[in-house]
Amino acid sequence: MRPLRIPSPPTGESPVLPGIFKGIIRRAIVIGNGFAGAENQCIGLVRALGLTSRYSLRRIIRPRGGINRWLHWLPVSIHKRVDFLIRRIYGESWRYGVNVNRKQVVPFSSEKFDVLDADAKQIASMARDSFDREGPLLVVASGRDTIPTASSIKLLAPDNVFVVQIQHPRSQLNKFDLVITPRHDYYPLTPQAQEQIPFLFRRWITPREPPDRHVVLTVGALHRADSAALKSAASIWHDELDPLPKPLLVVNIGGPTNHCKYGADLAKQLADMLRKVLWSCGSVRISFSRRTPAKVSEILWQEFSNNTKVYIWDGEGPNPHMGHLAWADAFVITADSVSMLSEACSTRKPVYVIGAERCTWKFADFQKRLRERGVARPFTGKEDLSETWSYTPLNDTTEAASRVVNALAERGWTILA
């Protein structure tokens, strides 16, 4: 997946961009929420636009731990004030910390960031003050908690920024310059979905149809597993993964959600199916996510920890996820993870899904679209994993980047890549 490029502007000593180059975007800010699934979508888009080394990361982090788990329904600004009052009254022991450095925040990157808090007024002021010198600012945000900040930046500096919100914001879309969201976010419009939504909530939860012209619909999630990242990962993980007997099967396990519920029963089913296909595998690598319940991971540890063909990543040391994407010959992935499935389905390698029948609502619609496009198949335990099959891979990140470039062109702006 190659970044979109335009010719570089002429070099010179003047700190002010001459003429046409004032409309060239040379920098970006990613606004994240501390979760890899959201932040990697933003970073993937920025990379596809050719701004790999010219973006900074700002975060909006909710207080976590203790009583905070019951306060997620509050707006993040109010949540922080409540957390502050609780700590003042009861002390730090009630807080359990705002853990900005949680494990696996952005787990697949070798890039280092000085992560700052995302302050809308500060970012908008910077965009206005530096516009003549640096040109427009691209702002890319993802996640519910980033919506107020991203929309405020657009409001405060409309002539100096281009704001992209990834995932449907469930708010007025004209608060952003572009919204990029999976097509299954529009599933609530179907008759089946309407039956599952209480009448009083339908107006709030249902996106407008047809989508506005500045809404980009994708099949899956954007991600950072582009060709350059996979090539780098292949090199980094060469010594560990290249010598493994082939074919290499990678098994990625997420965790249950409200609309993809499972537990020990799915783990036992997966273990049984893996036993049946081991004969056709040279080696197997199993990874868990931070959402994987202990009862799920323990079953697979007990079943395969002593099997010489199987390696289970214990969460220690560098995360092998990108190396697995680069070196795997096939994947088995739990149906709950849109991001892991989107990455794997962009590699042209066979992708098998387990647990899709347990998904409901828009997640079932996502699984249906993967099957219809032929990019993923149900895992049955009857597969010969030495056999391969081909498909047209998902290319959502590159296609979304092209739409960003087109939208910028309508404003007379372009990207310096």
Protein backbone atom coordinates (compact mmCIF):
# COMPACT_ATOMS: atom_id res chain seq x y z
CA MET A 1 0.00 0.00 0.00
CA ARG A 2 1.90 3.07 -1.25
CA PRO A 3 1.41 6.55 0.19
CA LEU A 4 -0.18 9.06 -2.13
CA ARG A 5 2.54 11.48 -3.26
CA ILE A 6 2.80 14.88 -4.92
CA PRO A 7 5.91 16.82 -5.94
CA SER A 8 7.76 18.51 -3.08
CA PRO A 9 7.69 22.32 -2.93
CA PRO A 10 10.89 24.21 -3.75
CA THR A 11 13.34 24.61 -0.91
CA GLY A 12 14.29 28.04 0.38
CA GLU A 13 15.30 30.00 3.43
CA SER A 14 12.03 31.86 3.86
CA PRO A 15 9.99 30.65 6.87
CA VAL A 16 6.78 31.56 5.06
CA LEU A 17 5.37 29.21 2.43
CA PRO A 18 5.11 31.01 -0.93
CA GLY A 19 1.86 31.23 -2.85
CA ILE A 20 0.36 27.87 -3.73
CA PHE A 21 2.22 25.97 -1.00
CA LYS A 22 0.16 27.63 1.71
CA GLY A 23 -2.51 25.10 0.74
CA ILE A 24 -0.26 22.08 1.28
CA ILE A 25 -0.72 19.91 4.34
CA ARG A 26 2.67 18.97 5.74
CA ARG A 27 1.72 17.88 9.28
CA ALA A 28 -0.98 16.03 11.15
CA ILE A 29 -2.21 15.48 14.69
CA VAL A 30 -3.71 12.16 15.73
CA ILE A 31 -6.19 12.37 18.59
CA GLY A 32 -6.50 9.02 20.33
CA ASN A 33 -8.22 7.52 23.35
CA GLY A 34 -5.43 5.23 24.56
CA PHE A 35 -6.80 2.13 22.83
CA ALA A 36 -4.82 0.51 20.04
CA GLY A 37 -7.92 -0.40 18.03
CA ALA A 38 -8.86 3.27 17.65
CA GLU A 39 -5.41 4.84 17.43
CA ASN A 40 -4.05 2.40 14.85
CA GLN A 41 -6.88 3.38 12.50
CA CYS A 42 -5.80 7.03 12.66
CA ILE A 43 -2.12 6.20 12.28
CA GLY A 44 -2.86 3.87 9.37
CA LEU A 45 -4.66 6.67 7.53
CA VAL A 46 -1.85 9.15 8.24
CA ARG A 47 0.70 6.64 6.93
CA ALA A 48 -1.34 6.04 3.77
CA LEU A 49 -1.33 9.81 3.18
CA GLY A 50 2.47 9.85 3.30
CA LEU A 51 2.75 11.71 6.62
CA THR A 52 4.44 8.85 8.46
CA SER A 53 7.15 10.97 10.06
CA ARG A 54 5.19 14.19 10.32
CA TYR A 55 2.46 13.62 12.86
CA SER A 56 2.12 13.90 16.62
CA LEU A 57 -0.12 11.95 18.97
CA ARG A 58 -2.45 13.56 21.51
CA ARG A 59 -4.68 11.57 23.84
CA ILE A 60 -7.91 11.91 25.74
CA ILE A 61 -7.69 9.42 28.59
CA ARG A 62 -10.52 8.57 30.95
CA PRO A 63 -9.78 7.76 34.59
CA ARG A 64 -9.65 3.99 34.94
CA GLY A 65 -9.84 1.44 37.71
CA GLY A 66 -11.92 1.22 40.88
CA ILE A 67 -15.24 3.06 40.80
CA ASN A 68 -14.42 4.58 37.41
CA ARG A 69 -15.64 1.46 35.64
CA TRP A 70 -19.17 2.53 36.56
CA LEU A 71 -18.76 6.11 35.32
CA HIS A 72 -18.09 5.52 31.62
CA TRP A 73 -21.53 6.83 30.71
CA LEU A 74 -20.42 10.32 31.76
CA PRO A 75 -18.81 12.74 29.28
CA VAL A 76 -15.06 12.46 29.75
CA SER A 77 -14.68 16.02 31.07
CA ILE A 78 -17.27 15.43 33.80
CA HIS A 79 -15.84 11.98 34.51
CA LYS A 80 -12.44 13.53 35.22
CA ARG A 81 -13.98 16.07 37.62
CA VAL A 82 -15.85 13.34 39.49
CA ASP A 83 -12.65 11.29 39.71
CA PHE A 84 -10.80 14.32 41.08
CA LEU A 85 -13.43 14.87 43.79
CA ILE A 86 -13.40 11.20 44.78
CA ARG A 87 -9.62 11.30 45.18
CA ARG A 88 -9.80 14.48 47.23
CA ILE A 89 -12.33 12.89 49.57
CA TYR A 90 -11.12 9.30 49.78
CA GLY A 91 -7.48 9.49 48.70
CA GLU A 92 -5.56 7.89 45.84
CA SER A 93 -6.52 4.36 46.88
CA TRP A 94 -9.99 4.92 45.40
CA ARG A 95 -8.63 5.98 42.08
CA TYR A 96 -6.33 3.19 40.90
CA GLY A 97 -4.74 5.72 38.55
CA VAL A 98 -5.24 7.17 35.11
CA ASN A 99 -3.00 4.64 33.45
CA VAL A 100 -1.71 6.44 30.38
CA ASN A 101 1.03 3.86 29.82
CA ARG A 102 -1.18 0.79 29.83
CA LYS A 103 0.30 -2.22 28.12
CA GLN A 104 -0.57 -2.48 24.43
CA VAL A 105 -1.77 1.11 24.03
CA VAL A 106 -0.09 1.20 20.61
CA PRO A 107 1.48 -2.24 20.71
CA PHE A 108 2.65 -2.81 17.17
CA SER A 109 4.82 0.25 16.62
CA SER A 110 8.49 0.99 17.04
CA GLU A 111 7.74 4.72 16.85
CA LYS A 112 8.23 6.77 20.00
CA PHE A 113 5.93 9.60 20.99
CA ASP A 114 5.90 12.35 23.55
CA VAL A 115 2.17 11.99 24.11
CA LEU A 116 0.38 15.17 25.19
CA ASP A 117 -3.18 15.77 26.33
CA ALA A 118 -5.51 16.70 23.49
CA ASP A 119 -6.56 20.28 24.18
CA ALA A 120 -8.90 21.64 21.49
CA LYS A 121 -8.18 25.33 22.18
CA GLN A 122 -4.42 24.80 22.16
CA ILE A 123 -4.49 22.78 18.91
CA ALA A 124 -6.80 25.26 17.17
CA SER A 125 -4.66 28.19 18.29
CA MET A 126 -1.52 26.47 17.03
CA ALA A 127 -3.19 25.77 13.67
CA ARG A 128 -4.22 29.42 13.25
CA ASP A 129 -0.92 30.91 14.40
CA SER A 130 1.24 28.65 12.21
CA PHE A 131 -0.98 28.59 9.12
CA ASP A 132 1.05 31.08 7.04
CA ARG A 133 4.30 29.38 7.99
CA GLU A 134 3.34 25.69 8.01
CA GLY A 135 0.14 25.48 5.98
CA PRO A 136 -3.10 23.70 7.01
CA LEU A 137 -3.22 21.11 9.78
CA LEU A 138 -4.73 17.64 9.30
CA VAL A 139 -6.50 16.33 12.41
CA VAL A 140 -7.47 12.64 12.55
CA ALA A 141 -9.44 11.29 15.51
CA SER A 142 -11.13 8.03 16.43
CA GLY A 143 -13.19 6.88 19.38
CA ARG A 144 -16.21 8.22 21.26
CA ASP A 145 -14.22 10.31 23.71
CA THR A 146 -12.39 12.15 20.91
CA ILE A 147 -15.55 13.47 19.25
CA PRO A 148 -16.03 16.68 21.35
CA THR A 149 -12.36 17.63 20.96
CA ALA A 150 -12.20 17.00 17.21
CA SER A 151 -15.45 18.89 16.54
CA SER A 152 -14.28 21.79 18.73
CA ILE A 153 -11.05 22.11 16.75
CA LYS A 154 -13.12 22.30 13.55
CA LEU A 155 -15.34 24.97 15.11
CA LEU A 156 -12.45 27.07 16.45
CA ALA A 157 -10.22 26.96 13.34
CA PRO A 158 -12.42 26.10 10.33
CA ASP A 159 -10.14 27.83 7.82
CA ASN A 160 -6.91 26.27 9.11
CA VAL A 161 -7.68 22.61 9.74
CA PHE A 162 -9.12 19.57 8.01
CA VAL A 163 -10.74 17.25 10.56
CA VAL A 164 -11.32 13.55 9.86
CA GLN A 165 -13.37 11.56 12.37
CA ILE A 166 -13.00 7.78 12.08
CA GLN A 167 -15.97 5.64 13.20
CA HIS A 168 -19.46 7.06 13.11
CA PRO A 169 -19.73 9.91 15.64
CA ARG A 170 -23.50 9.56 16.16
CA SER A 171 -23.74 13.35 16.00
CA GLN A 172 -24.16 16.03 13.36
CA LEU A 173 -21.78 15.07 10.59
CA ASN A 174 -21.18 18.67 9.53
CA LYS A 175 -19.07 19.06 12.67
CA PHE A 176 -16.28 17.32 10.71
CA ASP A 177 -14.76 17.72 7.27
CA LEU A 178 -14.88 13.98 6.62
CA VAL A 179 -16.24 10.96 8.47
CA ILE A 180 -14.79 7.50 7.71
CA THR A 181 -16.80 4.62 9.12
CA PRO A 182 -17.42 0.92 8.43
CA ARG A 183 -20.49 0.19 6.34
CA HIS A 184 -21.88 -2.01 9.10
CA ASP A 185 -22.39 1.16 11.16
CA TYR A 186 -25.33 1.72 8.79
CA TYR A 187 -26.81 -1.66 9.64
CA PRO A 188 -29.20 -0.03 12.18
CA LEU A 189 -31.24 1.14 9.17
CA THR A 190 -32.27 -2.39 8.21
CA PRO A 191 -35.64 -3.83 9.33
CA GLN A 192 -33.89 -6.51 11.37
CA ALA A 193 -31.87 -3.93 13.27
CA GLN A 194 -34.85 -1.62 13.83
CA GLU A 195 -36.59 -4.43 15.66
CA GLN A 196 -33.63 -4.61 18.06
CA ILE A 197 -33.51 -0.89 18.87
CA PRO A 198 -36.02 0.58 21.36
CA PHE A 199 -38.20 3.15 19.59
CA LEU A 200 -37.07 6.07 21.76
CA PHE A 201 -33.42 5.48 20.80
CA ARG A 202 -33.80 4.96 17.05
CA ARG A 203 -33.45 8.63 16.14
CA TRP A 204 -30.25 8.91 18.19
CA ILE A 205 -28.55 5.68 17.13
CA THR A 206 -29.50 5.50 13.45
CA PRO A 207 -27.16 7.18 10.95
CA ARG A 208 -28.65 9.26 8.16
CA GLU A 209 -29.30 7.42 4.90
CA PRO A 210 -28.11 7.84 2.26
CA PRO A 211 -24.74 8.87 3.69
CA ASP A 212 -23.71 12.49 3.20
CA ARG A 213 -21.17 13.13 0.45
CA HIS A 214 -18.48 13.67 3.09
CA VAL A 215 -19.08 10.23 4.65
CA VAL A 216 -16.73 7.44 3.51
CA LEU A 217 -18.04 3.91 4.06
CA THR A 218 -15.52 1.07 4.39
CA VAL A 219 -15.97 -2.69 4.73
CA GLY A 220 -13.78 -3.04 7.81
CA ALA A 221 -11.56 -0.98 10.06
CA LEU A 222 -8.65 1.12 8.86
CA HIS A 223 -5.26 -0.14 10.07
CA ARG A 224 -1.51 0.40 9.87
CA ALA A 225 -0.55 -2.96 8.35
CA ASP A 226 0.49 -1.47 5.01
CA SER A 227 3.14 -2.94 2.72
CA ALA A 228 5.94 -0.86 4.24
CA ALA A 229 5.00 -1.89 7.78
CA LEU A 230 4.78 -5.57 6.82
CA LYS A 231 8.10 -5.43 5.00
CA SER A 232 9.71 -3.92 8.09
CA ALA A 233 8.05 -6.49 10.35
CA ALA A 234 9.20 -9.33 8.08
CA SER A 235 12.77 -8.15 8.52
CA ILE A 236 12.50 -7.61 12.28
CA TRP A 237 10.93 -11.03 12.90
CA HIS A 238 12.92 -12.92 10.25
CA ASP A 239 15.22 -14.80 12.61
CA GLU A 240 12.36 -16.01 14.81
CA LEU A 241 9.64 -16.77 12.27
CA ASP A 242 11.37 -17.67 9.01
CA PRO A 243 12.88 -20.94 10.33
CA LEU A 244 9.49 -22.25 11.52
CA PRO A 245 8.08 -25.24 9.64
CA LYS A 246 5.47 -24.23 7.08
CA PRO A 247 2.63 -23.68 6.68
CA LEU A 248 2.50 -21.30 9.63
CA LEU A 249 -0.98 -20.87 11.10
CA VAL A 250 -1.53 -17.78 13.25
CA VAL A 251 -4.45 -17.85 15.69
CA ASN A 252 -5.58 -14.45 17.03
CA ILE A 253 -8.04 -14.46 19.91
CA GLY A 254 -9.89 -11.33 21.00
CA GLY A 255 -12.56 -11.21 23.66
CA PRO A 256 -16.34 -11.36 23.98
CA THR A 257 -18.45 -8.26 23.45
CA ASN A 258 -22.12 -7.49 23.99
CA HIS A 259 -22.84 -8.53 20.40
CA CYS A 260 -20.30 -11.37 20.11
CA LYS A 261 -20.68 -13.31 23.34
CA TYR A 262 -18.59 -16.35 24.15
CA GLY A 263 -16.51 -17.91 26.88
CA ALA A 264 -14.96 -21.26 27.76
CA ASP A 265 -17.33 -23.00 25.33
CA LEU A 266 -15.77 -21.29 22.31
CA ALA A 267 -12.27 -21.93 23.66
CA LYS A 268 -13.03 -25.65 23.91
CA GLN A 269 -14.51 -25.64 20.41
CA LEU A 270 -11.43 -23.86 19.05
CA ALA A 271 -9.07 -26.26 20.82
CA ASP A 272 -10.92 -29.24 19.35
CA MET A 273 -10.80 -27.78 15.83
CA LEU A 274 -7.11 -26.92 16.08
CA ARG A 275 -6.30 -30.49 17.12
CA LYS A 276 -8.04 -31.71 13.97
CA VAL A 277 -6.02 -29.46 11.62
CA LEU A 278 -2.61 -29.75 13.31
CA TRP A 279 -1.62 -32.54 10.92
CA SER A 280 -1.70 -30.03 8.03
CA CYS A 281 0.27 -27.31 9.87
CA GLY A 282 4.01 -26.99 10.08
CA SER A 283 3.67 -24.71 13.11
CA VAL A 284 1.02 -22.72 14.99
CA ARG A 285 1.37 -19.39 16.82
CA ILE A 286 -1.40 -18.31 19.22
CA SER A 287 -1.83 -14.76 20.54
CA PHE A 288 -4.35 -13.29 22.98
CA SER A 289 -5.51 -9.68 23.21
CA ARG A 290 -5.94 -7.59 26.34
CA ARG A 291 -9.68 -8.43 26.12
CA THR A 292 -9.22 -12.20 26.21
CA PRO A 293 -10.79 -13.66 29.38
CA ALA A 294 -8.53 -15.80 31.56
CA LYS A 295 -10.92 -18.74 31.26
CA VAL A 296 -10.42 -18.69 27.48
CA SER A 297 -6.63 -18.38 27.48
CA GLU A 298 -6.22 -21.00 30.23
CA ILE A 299 -8.03 -23.66 28.20
CA LEU A 300 -5.71 -23.14 25.24
CA TRP A 301 -2.62 -23.05 27.47
CA GLN A 302 -3.62 -26.35 29.06
CA GLU A 303 -4.33 -27.92 25.69
CA PHE A 304 -1.28 -26.79 23.70
CA SER A 305 1.48 -25.56 26.00
CA ASN A 306 3.34 -28.88 25.71
CA ASN A 307 2.77 -29.34 21.98
CA THR A 308 6.02 -28.82 20.08
CA LYS A 309 4.18 -27.50 17.02
CA VAL A 310 2.40 -24.77 18.97
CA TYR A 311 3.83 -21.55 20.44
CA ILE A 312 1.65 -19.34 22.65
CA TRP A 313 2.74 -15.76 23.19
CA ASP A 314 2.62 -15.03 26.93
CA GLY A 315 2.37 -11.25 26.61
CA GLU A 316 5.99 -10.67 27.58
CA GLY A 317 8.46 -8.95 25.30
CA PRO A 318 7.71 -7.38 21.90
CA ASN A 319 4.26 -8.01 20.51
CA PRO A 320 4.64 -10.39 17.52
CA HIS A 321 1.40 -9.26 15.86
CA MET A 322 2.96 -7.46 12.88
CA GLY A 323 5.50 -10.26 12.46
CA HIS A 324 2.63 -12.75 12.39
CA LEU A 325 0.83 -10.75 9.71
CA ALA A 326 4.00 -10.72 7.62
CA TRP A 327 5.00 -14.39 8.01
CA ALA A 328 1.71 -16.29 8.44
CA ASP A 329 0.45 -18.59 5.72
CA ALA A 330 -3.11 -18.61 7.13
CA PHE A 331 -5.10 -17.11 10.00
CA VAL A 332 -7.80 -18.22 12.42
CA ILE A 333 -9.39 -15.22 14.15
CA THR A 334 -12.28 -14.87 16.59
CA ALA A 335 -15.26 -13.04 15.10
CA ASP A 336 -15.37 -10.28 17.72
CA SER A 337 -12.34 -8.38 16.41
CA VAL A 338 -13.12 -6.14 13.44
CA SER A 339 -9.60 -4.71 13.51
CA MET A 340 -7.72 -8.04 13.49
CA LEU A 341 -9.96 -9.40 10.75
CA SER A 342 -9.54 -6.24 8.67
CA GLU A 343 -5.75 -6.51 8.90
CA ALA A 344 -5.64 -10.20 8.01
CA CYS A 345 -8.09 -9.77 5.13
CA SER A 346 -5.74 -7.23 3.53
CA THR A 347 -2.87 -9.76 3.22
CA ARG A 348 -4.35 -12.02 0.48
CA LYS A 349 -3.74 -15.00 2.79
CA PRO A 350 -6.52 -17.41 3.84
CA VAL A 351 -8.53 -16.09 6.79
CA TYR A 352 -10.79 -18.37 8.83
CA VAL A 353 -13.28 -17.03 11.38
CA ILE A 354 -14.51 -18.79 14.50
CA GLY A 355 -17.59 -17.67 16.42
CA ALA A 356 -19.32 -15.67 13.68
CA GLU A 357 -22.60 -17.43 14.42
CA ARG A 358 -22.48 -15.87 17.91
CA CYS A 359 -22.43 -12.31 16.55
CA THR A 360 -25.59 -10.23 16.45
CA TRP A 361 -26.69 -6.82 15.20
CA LYS A 362 -24.16 -4.88 13.09
CA PHE A 363 -21.33 -7.32 13.87
CA ALA A 364 -23.27 -10.10 12.18
CA ASP A 365 -23.63 -7.77 9.19
CA PHE A 366 -19.84 -7.31 9.11
CA GLN A 367 -19.30 -11.08 9.09
CA LYS A 368 -21.83 -11.42 6.29
CA ARG A 369 -19.97 -8.87 4.16
CA LEU A 370 -16.65 -10.68 4.66
CA ARG A 371 -18.20 -13.95 3.49
CA GLU A 372 -19.91 -12.32 0.51
CA ARG A 373 -16.62 -10.76 -0.63
CA GLY A 374 -14.85 -14.11 -0.23
CA VAL A 375 -12.15 -12.70 2.03
CA ALA A 376 -12.95 -14.94 5.01
CA ARG A 377 -14.41 -18.39 5.58
CA PRO A 378 -15.83 -20.13 8.66
CA PHE A 379 -13.33 -22.29 10.53
CA THR A 380 -14.68 -25.85 10.71
CA GLY A 381 -11.72 -27.97 11.79
CA LYS A 382 -11.88 -29.87 8.49
CA GLU A 383 -9.45 -27.62 6.61
CA ASP A 384 -6.19 -28.68 5.01
CA LEU A 385 -4.09 -25.64 5.82
CA SER A 386 -1.45 -26.57 3.29
CA GLU A 387 -3.98 -25.58 0.64
CA THR A 388 -4.45 -21.93 -0.18
CA TRP A 389 -7.08 -19.77 -1.85
CA SER A 390 -7.09 -16.26 -3.19
CA TYR A 391 -9.36 -13.23 -3.04
CA THR A 392 -9.35 -9.51 -3.72
CA PRO A 393 -8.01 -8.14 -0.44
CA LEU A 394 -9.63 -5.39 1.60
CA ASN A 395 -8.00 -2.10 0.71
CA ASP A 396 -9.99 0.23 2.96
CA THR A 397 -7.10 2.33 4.24
CA THR A 398 -5.76 3.24 0.79
CA GLU A 399 -9.25 3.89 -0.55
CA ALA A 400 -10.07 6.11 2.43
CA ALA A 401 -6.81 8.02 1.92
CA SER A 402 -7.80 8.67 -1.71
CA ARG A 403 -11.12 10.09 -0.52
CA VAL A 404 -9.28 12.38 1.90
CA VAL A 405 -7.09 13.65 -0.95
CA ASN A 406 -10.19 14.31 -3.10
CA ALA A 407 -11.95 16.14 -0.26
CA LEU A 408 -8.86 18.26 0.33
CA ALA A 409 -8.72 19.12 -3.37
CA GLU A 410 -12.26 20.50 -3.16
CA ARG A 411 -10.91 23.03 -0.66
CA GLY A 412 -7.91 23.77 -2.82
CA TRP A 413 -5.56 21.90 -0.49
CA THR A 414 -3.28 18.94 -1.05
CA ILE A 415 -0.85 16.69 0.84
CA LEU A 416 2.94 16.99 0.90
CA ALA A 417 4.07 13.35 0.90
